[in-house]
Amino acid sequence: MFGLQARYIRIDGSVPSAERIHLVHQFQNDPDTRVAILSIQAAGQGLTFTAAAHVVFAELYWDPGHIKQAEDRAHRIGQSSSVHIHYLIAKGTLDTLMWGMLNRKVWGRRAFHLLPSH
């Protein structure tokens, strides 16, 4: 490909609590670890990711509170810069229906429009 490599961590429901703490510490303190692959539920469980500049969600969860909690992990005390939140929504899949439902739950209408893919 491009010859680029990035160190990453992965936290989902199968990762034990003690290992999660070690992985978060690695992400927060190792300048070579710039990618964290997280499930929404695992990311929203009291972990801190203030070293993040971008957060990309590749999954949705039916409860907007869980998504907000996961977003807030990067917006905690100690965050000194802007954090950009992104969602990967696949056109023509259940994601588009779920995205609309989540927006109606939060805003009472469809507030965010999906951008066309190129």
PDB file of N, CA and C in Angstrom:
ATOM      1  N   MET A   1       0.835  -1.187   0.000  1.00  0.00           N
ATOM      2  CA  MET A   1       0.000   0.000   0.000  1.00  0.00           C
ATOM      3  C   MET A   1       0.881   1.251   0.000  1.00  0.00           C
ATOM      4  N   PHE A   2       0.830   1.999   1.091  1.00  0.00           N
ATOM      5  CA  PHE A   2       1.540   3.263   1.164  1.00  0.00           C
ATOM      6  C   PHE A   2       2.784   3.182   2.040  1.00  0.00           C
ATOM      7  N   GLY A   3       3.015   2.055   2.668  1.00  0.00           N
ATOM      8  CA  GLY A   3       4.170   1.907   3.522  1.00  0.00           C
ATOM      9  C   GLY A   3       4.019   2.552   4.893  1.00  0.00           C
ATOM     10  N   LEU A   4       2.803   3.021   5.227  1.00  0.00           N
ATOM     11  CA  LEU A   4       2.562   3.635   6.521  1.00  0.00           C
ATOM     12  C   LEU A   4       2.106   2.577   7.517  1.00  0.00           C
ATOM     13  N   GLN A   5       2.602   2.685   8.718  1.00  0.00           N
ATOM     14  CA  GLN A   5       2.165   1.787   9.774  1.00  0.00           C
ATOM     15  C   GLN A   5       1.858   2.613  11.004  1.00  0.00           C
ATOM     16  N   ALA A   6       0.829   2.213  11.700  1.00  0.00           N
ATOM     17  CA  ALA A   6       0.470   2.893  12.941  1.00  0.00           C
ATOM     18  C   ALA A   6       0.251   1.836  14.015  1.00  0.00           C
ATOM     19  N   ARG A   7       0.739   2.113  15.192  1.00  0.00           N
ATOM     20  CA  ARG A   7       0.454   1.224  16.310  1.00  0.00           C
ATOM     21  C   ARG A   7      -0.950   1.529  16.787  1.00  0.00           C
ATOM     22  N   TYR A   8      -1.637   0.518  17.252  1.00  0.00           N
ATOM     23  CA  TYR A   8      -3.013   0.707  17.684  1.00  0.00           C
ATOM     24  C   TYR A   8      -3.318  -0.156  18.896  1.00  0.00           C
ATOM     25  N   ILE A   9      -4.415   0.202  19.550  1.00  0.00           N
ATOM     26  CA  ILE A   9      -4.968  -0.630  20.610  1.00  0.00           C
ATOM     27  C   ILE A   9      -6.371  -1.031  20.191  1.00  0.00           C
ATOM     28  N   ARG A  10      -6.887  -2.126  20.762  1.00  0.00           N
ATOM     29  CA  ARG A  10      -8.249  -2.571  20.495  1.00  0.00           C
ATOM     30  C   ARG A  10      -8.898  -2.925  21.834  1.00  0.00           C
ATOM     31  N   ILE A  11     -10.058  -2.322  22.091  1.00  0.00           N
ATOM     32  CA  ILE A  11     -10.800  -2.631  23.314  1.00  0.00           C
ATOM     33  C   ILE A  11     -12.241  -2.907  22.932  1.00  0.00           C
ATOM     34  N   ASP A  12     -12.691  -4.095  23.262  1.00  0.00           N
ATOM     35  CA  ASP A  12     -14.098  -4.455  23.108  1.00  0.00           C
ATOM     36  C   ASP A  12     -14.500  -5.278  24.324  1.00  0.00           C
ATOM     37  N   GLY A  13     -15.665  -5.862  24.288  1.00  0.00           N
ATOM     38  CA  GLY A  13     -16.173  -6.587  25.440  1.00  0.00           C
ATOM     39  C   GLY A  13     -15.345  -7.782  25.860  1.00  0.00           C
ATOM     40  N   SER A  14     -14.478  -8.292  24.981  1.00  0.00           N
ATOM     41  CA  SER A  14     -13.671  -9.473  25.319  1.00  0.00           C
ATOM     42  C   SER A  14     -12.375  -9.126  26.055  1.00  0.00           C
ATOM     43  N   VAL A  15     -12.048  -7.831  26.157  1.00  0.00           N
ATOM     44  CA  VAL A  15     -10.797  -7.410  26.800  1.00  0.00           C
ATOM     45  C   VAL A  15     -11.042  -7.215  28.297  1.00  0.00           C
ATOM     46  N   PRO A  16     -10.291  -7.934  29.158  1.00  0.00           N
ATOM     47  CA  PRO A  16     -10.467  -7.803  30.616  1.00  0.00           C
ATOM     48  C   PRO A  16     -10.153  -6.389  31.119  1.00  0.00           C
ATOM     49  N   SER A  17     -10.780  -6.002  32.207  1.00  0.00           N
ATOM     50  CA  SER A  17     -10.626  -4.657  32.771  1.00  0.00           C
ATOM     51  C   SER A  17      -9.169  -4.274  33.006  1.00  0.00           C
ATOM     52  N   ALA A  18      -8.385  -5.164  33.581  1.00  0.00           N
ATOM     53  CA  ALA A  18      -6.984  -4.848  33.870  1.00  0.00           C
ATOM     54  C   ALA A  18      -6.213  -4.550  32.592  1.00  0.00           C
ATOM     55  N   GLU A  19      -6.491  -5.278  31.526  1.00  0.00           N
ATOM     56  CA  GLU A  19      -5.813  -5.026  30.252  1.00  0.00           C
ATOM     57  C   GLU A  19      -6.287  -3.721  29.628  1.00  0.00           C
ATOM     58  N   ARG A  20      -7.561  -3.376  29.822  1.00  0.00           N
ATOM     59  CA  ARG A  20      -8.089  -2.102  29.295  1.00  0.00           C
ATOM     60  C   ARG A  20      -7.302  -0.927  29.852  1.00  0.00           C
ATOM     61  N   ILE A  21      -7.026  -0.964  31.144  1.00  0.00           N
ATOM     62  CA  ILE A  21      -6.274   0.124  31.788  1.00  0.00           C
ATOM     63  C   ILE A  21      -4.894   0.251  31.155  1.00  0.00           C
ATOM     64  N   HIS A  22      -4.221  -0.881  30.940  1.00  0.00           N
ATOM     65  CA  HIS A  22      -2.898  -0.869  30.308  1.00  0.00           C
ATOM     66  C   HIS A  22      -2.978  -0.308  28.888  1.00  0.00           C
ATOM     67  N   LEU A  23      -3.988  -0.714  28.120  1.00  0.00           N
ATOM     68  CA  LEU A  23      -4.135  -0.257  26.745  1.00  0.00           C
ATOM     69  C   LEU A  23      -4.429   1.236  26.674  1.00  0.00           C
ATOM     70  N   VAL A  24      -5.287   1.744  27.571  1.00  0.00           N
ATOM     71  CA  VAL A  24      -5.573   3.186  27.609  1.00  0.00           C
ATOM     72  C   VAL A  24      -4.300   3.955  27.942  1.00  0.00           C
ATOM     73  N   HIS A  25      -3.524   3.463  28.899  1.00  0.00           N
ATOM     74  CA  HIS A  25      -2.258   4.111  29.262  1.00  0.00           C
ATOM     75  C   HIS A  25      -1.330   4.165  28.040  1.00  0.00           C
ATOM     76  N   GLN A  26      -1.262   3.074  27.287  1.00  0.00           N
ATOM     77  CA  GLN A  26      -0.440   3.045  26.074  1.00  0.00           C
ATOM     78  C   GLN A  26      -0.909   4.103  25.077  1.00  0.00           C
ATOM     79  N   PHE A  27      -2.212   4.187  24.844  1.00  0.00           N
ATOM     80  CA  PHE A  27      -2.756   5.164  23.900  1.00  0.00           C
ATOM     81  C   PHE A  27      -2.477   6.594  24.361  1.00  0.00           C
ATOM     82  N   GLN A  28      -2.650   6.846  25.636  1.00  0.00           N
ATOM     83  CA  GLN A  28      -2.489   8.204  26.168  1.00  0.00           C
ATOM     84  C   GLN A  28      -1.027   8.666  26.174  1.00  0.00           C
ATOM     85  N   ASN A  29      -0.091   7.719  26.320  1.00  0.00           N
ATOM     86  CA  ASN A  29       1.297   8.105  26.576  1.00  0.00           C
ATOM     87  C   ASN A  29       2.309   7.721  25.506  1.00  0.00           C
ATOM     88  N   ASP A  30       1.977   6.801  24.621  1.00  0.00           N
ATOM     89  CA  ASP A  30       2.911   6.367  23.584  1.00  0.00           C
ATOM     90  C   ASP A  30       2.637   7.156  22.304  1.00  0.00           C
ATOM     91  N   PRO A  31       3.539   8.055  21.897  1.00  0.00           N
ATOM     92  CA  PRO A  31       3.283   8.864  20.704  1.00  0.00           C
ATOM     93  C   PRO A  31       3.171   8.045  19.418  1.00  0.00           C
ATOM     94  N   ASP A  32       3.623   6.807  19.425  1.00  0.00           N
ATOM     95  CA  ASP A  32       3.503   5.949  18.244  1.00  0.00           C
ATOM     96  C   ASP A  32       2.167   5.223  18.175  1.00  0.00           C
ATOM     97  N   THR A  33       1.415   5.206  19.265  1.00  0.00           N
ATOM     98  CA  THR A  33       0.101   4.558  19.290  1.00  0.00           C
ATOM     99  C   THR A  33      -0.941   5.645  19.082  1.00  0.00           C
ATOM    100  N   ARG A  34      -1.415   5.795  17.858  1.00  0.00           N
ATOM    101  CA  ARG A  34      -2.329   6.874  17.537  1.00  0.00           C
ATOM    102  C   ARG A  34      -3.712   6.395  17.108  1.00  0.00           C
ATOM    103  N   VAL A  35      -3.944   5.102  17.136  1.00  0.00           N
ATOM    104  CA  VAL A  35      -5.231   4.553  16.736  1.00  0.00           C
ATOM    105  C   VAL A  35      -5.763   3.676  17.857  1.00  0.00           C
ATOM    106  N   ALA A  36      -7.033   3.900  18.195  1.00  0.00           N
ATOM    107  CA  ALA A  36      -7.719   3.050  19.179  1.00  0.00           C
ATOM    108  C   ALA A  36      -8.983   2.517  18.516  1.00  0.00           C
ATOM    109  N   ILE A  37      -9.089   1.219  18.422  1.00  0.00           N
ATOM    110  CA  ILE A  37     -10.280   0.582  17.862  1.00  0.00           C
ATOM    111  C   ILE A  37     -11.120   0.124  19.056  1.00  0.00           C
ATOM    112  N   LEU A  38     -12.305   0.732  19.194  1.00  0.00           N
ATOM    113  CA  LEU A  38     -13.101   0.535  20.397  1.00  0.00           C
ATOM    114  C   LEU A  38     -14.546   0.236  20.052  1.00  0.00           C
ATOM    115  N   SER A  39     -15.170  -0.621  20.838  1.00  0.00           N
ATOM    116  CA  SER A  39     -16.616  -0.753  20.704  1.00  0.00           C
ATOM    117  C   SER A  39     -17.250   0.382  21.491  1.00  0.00           C
ATOM    118  N   ILE A  40     -18.428   0.812  21.078  1.00  0.00           N
ATOM    119  CA  ILE A  40     -19.093   1.928  21.755  1.00  0.00           C
ATOM    120  C   ILE A  40     -19.329   1.614  23.221  1.00  0.00           C
ATOM    121  N   GLN A  41     -19.782   0.410  23.520  1.00  0.00           N
ATOM    122  CA  GLN A  41     -20.057   0.090  24.923  1.00  0.00           C
ATOM    123  C   GLN A  41     -18.782   0.021  25.741  1.00  0.00           C
ATOM    124  N   ALA A  42     -17.721  -0.565  25.207  1.00  0.00           N
ATOM    125  CA  ALA A  42     -16.462  -0.647  25.950  1.00  0.00           C
ATOM    126  C   ALA A  42     -15.840   0.730  26.123  1.00  0.00           C
ATOM    127  N   ALA A  43     -15.943   1.583  25.101  1.00  0.00           N
ATOM    128  CA  ALA A  43     -15.340   2.917  25.156  1.00  0.00           C
ATOM    129  C   ALA A  43     -16.059   3.826  26.138  1.00  0.00           C
ATOM    130  N   GLY A  44     -17.313   3.548  26.428  1.00  0.00           N
ATOM    131  CA  GLY A  44     -18.085   4.412  27.309  1.00  0.00           C
ATOM    132  C   GLY A  44     -18.034   4.010  28.764  1.00  0.00           C
ATOM    133  N   GLN A  45     -17.126   3.132  29.132  1.00  0.00           N
ATOM    134  CA  GLN A  45     -17.086   2.607  30.495  1.00  0.00           C
ATOM    135  C   GLN A  45     -15.982   3.221  31.339  1.00  0.00           C
ATOM    136  N   GLY A  46     -15.967   4.546  31.450  1.00  0.00           N
ATOM    137  CA  GLY A  46     -15.046   5.217  32.365  1.00  0.00           C
ATOM    138  C   GLY A  46     -13.609   5.298  31.885  1.00  0.00           C
ATOM    139  N   LEU A  47     -13.361   5.081  30.608  1.00  0.00           N
ATOM    140  CA  LEU A  47     -12.013   5.180  30.070  1.00  0.00           C
ATOM    141  C   LEU A  47     -11.775   6.606  29.582  1.00  0.00           C
ATOM    142  N   THR A  48     -10.501   7.010  29.542  1.00  0.00           N
ATOM    143  CA  THR A  48     -10.149   8.361  29.123  1.00  0.00           C
ATOM    144  C   THR A  48      -9.262   8.303  27.894  1.00  0.00           C
ATOM    145  N   PHE A  49      -9.664   9.035  26.862  1.00  0.00           N
ATOM    146  CA  PHE A  49      -8.903   9.090  25.611  1.00  0.00           C
ATOM    147  C   PHE A  49      -8.639  10.534  25.207  1.00  0.00           C
ATOM    148  N   THR A  50      -8.102  11.326  26.128  1.00  0.00           N
ATOM    149  CA  THR A  50      -7.866  12.743  25.837  1.00  0.00           C
ATOM    150  C   THR A  50      -6.729  12.963  24.851  1.00  0.00           C
ATOM    151  N   ALA A  51      -5.963  11.931  24.520  1.00  0.00           N
ATOM    152  CA  ALA A  51      -4.909  12.073  23.515  1.00  0.00           C
ATOM    153  C   ALA A  51      -5.486  12.037  22.106  1.00  0.00           C
ATOM    154  N   ALA A  52      -6.772  11.771  21.980  1.00  0.00           N
ATOM    155  CA  ALA A  52      -7.401  11.657  20.656  1.00  0.00           C
ATOM    156  C   ALA A  52      -7.651  13.018  20.035  1.00  0.00           C
ATOM    157  N   ALA A  53      -7.422  13.111  18.733  1.00  0.00           N
ATOM    158  CA  ALA A  53      -7.774  14.305  17.973  1.00  0.00           C
ATOM    159  C   ALA A  53      -8.989  14.030  17.097  1.00  0.00           C
ATOM    160  N   HIS A  54      -9.163  12.771  16.710  1.00  0.00           N
ATOM    161  CA  HIS A  54     -10.301  12.345  15.896  1.00  0.00           C
ATOM    162  C   HIS A  54     -10.867  11.080  16.512  1.00  0.00           C
ATOM    163  N   VAL A  55     -12.184  10.998  16.553  1.00  0.00           N
ATOM    164  CA  VAL A  55     -12.869   9.792  16.988  1.00  0.00           C
ATOM    165  C   VAL A  55     -13.775   9.378  15.837  1.00  0.00           C
ATOM    166  N   VAL A  56     -13.618   8.148  15.381  1.00  0.00           N
ATOM    167  CA  VAL A  56     -14.418   7.623  14.282  1.00  0.00           C
ATOM    168  C   VAL A  56     -15.192   6.420  14.791  1.00  0.00           C
ATOM    169  N   PHE A  57     -16.513   6.511  14.726  1.00  0.00           N
ATOM    170  CA  PHE A  57     -17.360   5.393  15.121  1.00  0.00           C
ATOM    171  C   PHE A  57     -17.745   4.609  13.878  1.00  0.00           C
ATOM    172  N   ALA A  58     -17.446   3.328  13.881  1.00  0.00           N
ATOM    173  CA  ALA A  58     -17.790   2.460  12.758  1.00  0.00           C
ATOM    174  C   ALA A  58     -19.001   1.604  13.090  1.00  0.00           C
ATOM    175  N   GLU A  59     -19.605   1.860  14.224  1.00  0.00           N
ATOM    176  CA  GLU A  59     -20.813   1.144  14.623  1.00  0.00           C
ATOM    177  C   GLU A  59     -21.762   2.139  15.274  1.00  0.00           C
ATOM    178  N   LEU A  60     -23.012   1.805  15.297  1.00  0.00           N
ATOM    179  CA  LEU A  60     -24.004   2.622  15.988  1.00  0.00           C
ATOM    180  C   LEU A  60     -24.621   1.785  17.090  1.00  0.00           C
ATOM    181  N   TYR A  61     -25.188   2.449  18.064  1.00  0.00           N
ATOM    182  CA  TYR A  61     -25.874   1.778  19.155  1.00  0.00           C
ATOM    183  C   TYR A  61     -27.258   2.399  19.267  1.00  0.00           C
ATOM    184  N   TRP A  62     -28.257   1.609  19.576  1.00  0.00           N
ATOM    185  CA  TRP A  62     -29.651   2.079  19.562  1.00  0.00           C
ATOM    186  C   TRP A  62     -29.934   3.173  20.581  1.00  0.00           C
ATOM    187  N   ASP A  63     -29.118   3.281  21.622  1.00  0.00           N
ATOM    188  CA  ASP A  63     -29.339   4.265  22.690  1.00  0.00           C
ATOM    189  C   ASP A  63     -28.371   5.434  22.504  1.00  0.00           C
ATOM    190  N   PRO A  64     -28.873   6.633  22.180  1.00  0.00           N
ATOM    191  CA  PRO A  64     -27.967   7.770  21.981  1.00  0.00           C
ATOM    192  C   PRO A  64     -27.141   8.107  23.219  1.00  0.00           C
ATOM    193  N   GLY A  65     -27.619   7.756  24.397  1.00  0.00           N
ATOM    194  CA  GLY A  65     -26.853   8.006  25.618  1.00  0.00           C
ATOM    195  C   GLY A  65     -25.536   7.245  25.635  1.00  0.00           C
ATOM    196  N   HIS A  66     -25.540   6.021  25.132  1.00  0.00           N
ATOM    197  CA  HIS A  66     -24.306   5.244  25.056  1.00  0.00           C
ATOM    198  C   HIS A  66     -23.321   5.878  24.075  1.00  0.00           C
ATOM    199  N   ILE A  67     -23.836   6.374  22.968  1.00  0.00           N
ATOM    200  CA  ILE A  67     -22.963   7.014  21.982  1.00  0.00           C
ATOM    201  C   ILE A  67     -22.363   8.285  22.569  1.00  0.00           C
ATOM    202  N   LYS A  68     -23.182   9.096  23.216  1.00  0.00           N
ATOM    203  CA  LYS A  68     -22.701  10.335  23.842  1.00  0.00           C
ATOM    204  C   LYS A  68     -21.636  10.030  24.896  1.00  0.00           C
ATOM    205  N   GLN A  69     -21.872   9.002  25.686  1.00  0.00           N
ATOM    206  CA  GLN A  69     -20.907   8.604  26.714  1.00  0.00           C
ATOM    207  C   GLN A  69     -19.580   8.209  26.070  1.00  0.00           C
ATOM    208  N   ALA A  70     -19.640   7.474  24.950  1.00  0.00           N
ATOM    209  CA  ALA A  70     -18.412   7.083  24.249  1.00  0.00           C
ATOM    210  C   ALA A  70     -17.699   8.318  23.675  1.00  0.00           C
ATOM    211  N   GLU A  71     -18.463   9.259  23.117  1.00  0.00           N
ATOM    212  CA  GLU A  71     -17.862  10.503  22.611  1.00  0.00           C
ATOM    213  C   GLU A  71     -17.154  11.256  23.733  1.00  0.00           C
ATOM    214  N   ASP A  72     -17.776  11.282  24.890  1.00  0.00           N
ATOM    215  CA  ASP A  72     -17.250  12.057  26.019  1.00  0.00           C
ATOM    216  C   ASP A  72     -15.922  11.534  26.545  1.00  0.00           C
ATOM    217  N   ARG A  73     -15.555  10.318  26.212  1.00  0.00           N
ATOM    218  CA  ARG A  73     -14.262   9.763  26.671  1.00  0.00           C
ATOM    219  C   ARG A  73     -13.093  10.582  26.133  1.00  0.00           C
ATOM    220  N   ALA A  74     -13.268  11.224  24.984  1.00  0.00           N
ATOM    221  CA  ALA A  74     -12.210  12.056  24.409  1.00  0.00           C
ATOM    222  C   ALA A  74     -12.328  13.510  24.848  1.00  0.00           C
ATOM    223  N   HIS A  75     -13.446  13.885  25.452  1.00  0.00           N
ATOM    224  CA  HIS A  75     -13.690  15.271  25.887  1.00  0.00           C
ATOM    225  C   HIS A  75     -13.639  15.370  27.410  1.00  0.00           C
ATOM    226  N   ARG A  76     -12.680  14.737  28.009  1.00  0.00           N
ATOM    227  CA  ARG A  76     -12.604  14.725  29.473  1.00  0.00           C
ATOM    228  C   ARG A  76     -11.672  15.812  29.977  1.00  0.00           C
ATOM    229  N   ILE A  77     -11.628  15.936  31.285  1.00  0.00           N
ATOM    230  CA  ILE A  77     -10.693  16.871  31.911  1.00  0.00           C
ATOM    231  C   ILE A  77      -9.285  16.511  31.443  1.00  0.00           C
ATOM    232  N   GLY A  78      -8.540  17.493  31.027  1.00  0.00           N
ATOM    233  CA  GLY A  78      -7.192  17.262  30.523  1.00  0.00           C
ATOM    234  C   GLY A  78      -7.104  17.371  29.018  1.00  0.00           C
ATOM    235  N   GLN A  79      -8.234  17.413  28.344  1.00  0.00           N
ATOM    236  CA  GLN A  79      -8.225  17.577  26.890  1.00  0.00           C
ATOM    237  C   GLN A  79      -7.853  19.019  26.590  1.00  0.00           C
ATOM    238  N   SER A  80      -6.816  19.205  25.786  1.00  0.00           N
ATOM    239  CA  SER A  80      -6.337  20.563  25.527  1.00  0.00           C
ATOM    240  C   SER A  80      -6.557  21.009  24.086  1.00  0.00           C
ATOM    241  N   SER A  81      -7.132  20.158  23.262  1.00  0.00           N
ATOM    242  CA  SER A  81      -7.356  20.555  21.869  1.00  0.00           C
ATOM    243  C   SER A  81      -8.725  20.071  21.396  1.00  0.00           C
ATOM    244  N   SER A  82      -9.095  20.505  20.212  1.00  0.00           N
ATOM    245  CA  SER A  82     -10.377  20.095  19.639  1.00  0.00           C
ATOM    246  C   SER A  82     -10.368  18.607  19.300  1.00  0.00           C
ATOM    247  N   VAL A  83     -11.529  18.012  19.390  1.00  0.00           N
ATOM    248  CA  VAL A  83     -11.700  16.610  19.012  1.00  0.00           C
ATOM    249  C   VAL A  83     -12.795  16.554  17.959  1.00  0.00           C
ATOM    250  N   HIS A  84     -12.503  15.900  16.861  1.00  0.00           N
ATOM    251  CA  HIS A  84     -13.457  15.764  15.770  1.00  0.00           C
ATOM    252  C   HIS A  84     -14.105  14.389  15.849  1.00  0.00           C
ATOM    253  N   ILE A  85     -15.431  14.366  15.879  1.00  0.00           N
ATOM    254  CA  ILE A  85     -16.191  13.122  15.969  1.00  0.00           C
ATOM    255  C   ILE A  85     -16.744  12.814  14.581  1.00  0.00           C
ATOM    256  N   HIS A  86     -16.525  11.586  14.119  1.00  0.00           N
ATOM    257  CA  HIS A  86     -16.991  11.142  12.809  1.00  0.00           C
ATOM    258  C   HIS A  86     -17.766   9.841  12.968  1.00  0.00           C
ATOM    259  N   TYR A  87     -18.714   9.624  12.083  1.00  0.00           N
ATOM    260  CA  TYR A  87     -19.480   8.371  12.051  1.00  0.00           C
ATOM    261  C   TYR A  87     -19.404   7.791  10.656  1.00  0.00           C
ATOM    262  N   LEU A  88     -19.137   6.512  10.565  1.00  0.00           N
ATOM    263  CA  LEU A  88     -19.163   5.820   9.284  1.00  0.00           C
ATOM    264  C   LEU A  88     -20.549   5.207   9.130  1.00  0.00           C
ATOM    265  N   ILE A  89     -21.300   5.716   8.190  1.00  0.00           N
ATOM    266  CA  ILE A  89     -22.666   5.251   7.942  1.00  0.00           C
ATOM    267  C   ILE A  89     -22.704   4.712   6.511  1.00  0.00           C
ATOM    268  N   ALA A  90     -22.955   3.436   6.373  1.00  0.00           N
ATOM    269  CA  ALA A  90     -22.978   2.822   5.044  1.00  0.00           C
ATOM    270  C   ALA A  90     -24.344   3.027   4.391  1.00  0.00           C
ATOM    271  N   LYS A  91     -24.342   3.698   3.257  1.00  0.00           N
ATOM    272  CA  LYS A  91     -25.573   3.978   2.524  1.00  0.00           C
ATOM    273  C   LYS A  91     -26.217   2.658   2.081  1.00  0.00           C
ATOM    274  N   GLY A  92     -27.547   2.606   2.201  1.00  0.00           N
ATOM    275  CA  GLY A  92     -28.275   1.427   1.770  1.00  0.00           C
ATOM    276  C   GLY A  92     -28.238   0.280   2.767  1.00  0.00           C
ATOM    277  N   THR A  93     -27.838   0.567   4.008  1.00  0.00           N
ATOM    278  CA  THR A  93     -27.801  -0.466   5.048  1.00  0.00           C
ATOM    279  C   THR A  93     -28.683  -0.042   6.211  1.00  0.00           C
ATOM    280  N   LEU A  94     -28.758  -0.891   7.193  1.00  0.00           N
ATOM    281  CA  LEU A  94     -29.505  -0.587   8.409  1.00  0.00           C
ATOM    282  C   LEU A  94     -28.953   0.661   9.102  1.00  0.00           C
ATOM    283  N   ASP A  95     -27.673   0.962   8.864  1.00  0.00           N
ATOM    284  CA  ASP A  95     -27.064   2.159   9.465  1.00  0.00           C
ATOM    285  C   ASP A  95     -27.854   3.421   9.151  1.00  0.00           C
ATOM    286  N   THR A  96     -28.331   3.571   7.921  1.00  0.00           N
ATOM    287  CA  THR A  96     -29.047   4.791   7.551  1.00  0.00           C
ATOM    288  C   THR A  96     -30.356   4.907   8.326  1.00  0.00           C
ATOM    289  N   LEU A  97     -31.040   3.789   8.531  1.00  0.00           N
ATOM    290  CA  LEU A  97     -32.264   3.807   9.337  1.00  0.00           C
ATOM    291  C   LEU A  97     -31.945   4.110  10.795  1.00  0.00           C
ATOM    292  N   MET A  98     -30.899   3.481  11.294  1.00  0.00           N
ATOM    293  CA  MET A  98     -30.491   3.670  12.690  1.00  0.00           C
ATOM    294  C   MET A  98     -30.081   5.123  12.932  1.00  0.00           C
ATOM    295  N   TRP A  99     -29.348   5.723  11.986  1.00  0.00           N
ATOM    296  CA  TRP A  99     -28.897   7.112  12.114  1.00  0.00           C
ATOM    297  C   TRP A  99     -30.097   8.048  12.218  1.00  0.00           C
ATOM    298  N   GLY A 100     -31.092   7.819  11.361  1.00  0.00           N
ATOM    299  CA  GLY A 100     -32.302   8.637  11.418  1.00  0.00           C
ATOM    300  C   GLY A 100     -33.025   8.479  12.739  1.00  0.00           C
ATOM    301  N   MET A 101     -33.124   7.251  13.238  1.00  0.00           N
ATOM    302  CA  MET A 101     -33.790   6.988  14.515  1.00  0.00           C
ATOM    303  C   MET A 101     -33.056   7.680  15.664  1.00  0.00           C
ATOM    304  N   LEU A 102     -31.735   7.591  15.659  1.00  0.00           N
ATOM    305  CA  LEU A 102     -30.951   8.233  16.723  1.00  0.00           C
ATOM    306  C   LEU A 102     -31.140   9.743  16.708  1.00  0.00           C
ATOM    307  N   ASN A 103     -31.154  10.337  15.532  1.00  0.00           N
ATOM    308  CA  ASN A 103     -31.350  11.791  15.427  1.00  0.00           C
ATOM    309  C   ASN A 103     -32.743  12.189  15.909  1.00  0.00           C
ATOM    310  N   ARG A 104     -33.741  11.402  15.576  1.00  0.00           N
ATOM    311  CA  ARG A 104     -35.101  11.719  16.057  1.00  0.00           C
ATOM    312  C   ARG A 104     -35.181  11.598  17.574  1.00  0.00           C
ATOM    313  N   LYS A 105     -34.492  10.614  18.149  1.00  0.00           N
ATOM    314  CA  LYS A 105     -34.493  10.461  19.608  1.00  0.00           C
ATOM    315  C   LYS A 105     -33.850  11.669  20.292  1.00  0.00           C
ATOM    316  N   VAL A 106     -32.780  12.174  19.695  1.00  0.00           N
ATOM    317  CA  VAL A 106     -32.039  13.281  20.307  1.00  0.00           C
ATOM    318  C   VAL A 106     -32.656  14.631  19.976  1.00  0.00           C
ATOM    319  N   TRP A 107     -32.985  14.861  18.711  1.00  0.00           N
ATOM    320  CA  TRP A 107     -33.395  16.178  18.241  1.00  0.00           C
ATOM    321  C   TRP A 107     -34.872  16.279  17.900  1.00  0.00           C
ATOM    322  N   GLY A 108     -35.582  15.162  17.855  1.00  0.00           N
ATOM    323  CA  GLY A 108     -36.993  15.194  17.511  1.00  0.00           C
ATOM    324  C   GLY A 108     -37.237  15.314  16.012  1.00  0.00           C
ATOM    325  N   ARG A 109     -36.172  15.329  15.247  1.00  0.00           N
ATOM    326  CA  ARG A 109     -36.264  15.406  13.787  1.00  0.00           C
ATOM    327  C   ARG A 109     -34.942  14.906  13.226  1.00  0.00           C
ATOM    328  N   ARG A 110     -34.852  14.776  11.946  1.00  0.00           N
ATOM    329  CA  ARG A 110     -33.602  14.368  11.328  1.00  0.00           C
ATOM    330  C   ARG A 110     -32.709  15.592  11.187  1.00  0.00           C
ATOM    331  N   ALA A 111     -31.757  15.744  12.095  1.00  0.00           N
ATOM    332  CA  ALA A 111     -30.947  16.952  12.147  1.00  0.00           C
ATOM    333  C   ALA A 111     -29.693  16.860  11.287  1.00  0.00           C
ATOM    334  N   PHE A 112     -29.157  15.687  11.111  1.00  0.00           N
ATOM    335  CA  PHE A 112     -27.912  15.525  10.371  1.00  0.00           C
ATOM    336  C   PHE A 112     -28.196  14.809   9.072  1.00  0.00           C
ATOM    337  N   HIS A 113     -27.652  15.316   8.006  1.00  0.00           N
ATOM    338  CA  HIS A 113     -27.844  14.720   6.698  1.00  0.00           C
ATOM    339  C   HIS A 113     -26.611  13.922   6.319  1.00  0.00           C
ATOM    340  N   LEU A 114     -26.818  12.797   5.709  1.00  0.00           N
ATOM    341  CA  LEU A 114     -25.693  11.980   5.264  1.00  0.00           C
ATOM    342  C   LEU A 114     -25.109  12.599   4.003  1.00  0.00           C
ATOM    343  N   LEU A 115     -23.795  12.628   3.940  1.00  0.00           N
ATOM    344  CA  LEU A 115     -23.104  13.165   2.777  1.00  0.00           C
ATOM    345  C   LEU A 115     -23.013  12.076   1.718  1.00  0.00           C
ATOM    346  N   PRO A 116     -23.172  12.428   0.457  1.00  0.00           N
ATOM    347  CA  PRO A 116     -23.062  11.418  -0.603  1.00  0.00           C
ATOM    348  C   PRO A 116     -21.649  10.885  -0.700  1.00  0.00           C
ATOM    349  N   SER A 117     -21.503   9.602  -0.981  1.00  0.00           N
ATOM    350  CA  SER A 117     -20.172   9.025  -1.156  1.00  0.00           C
ATOM    351  C   SER A 117     -19.723   9.249  -2.589  1.00  0.00           C
ATOM    352  N   HIS A 118     -18.430   9.294  -2.794  1.00  0.00           N
ATOM    353  CA  HIS A 118     -17.879   9.554  -4.130  1.00  0.00           C
ATOM    354  C   HIS A 118     -17.394   8.267  -4.739  1.00  0.00           C
TER     355      HIS A 118
END
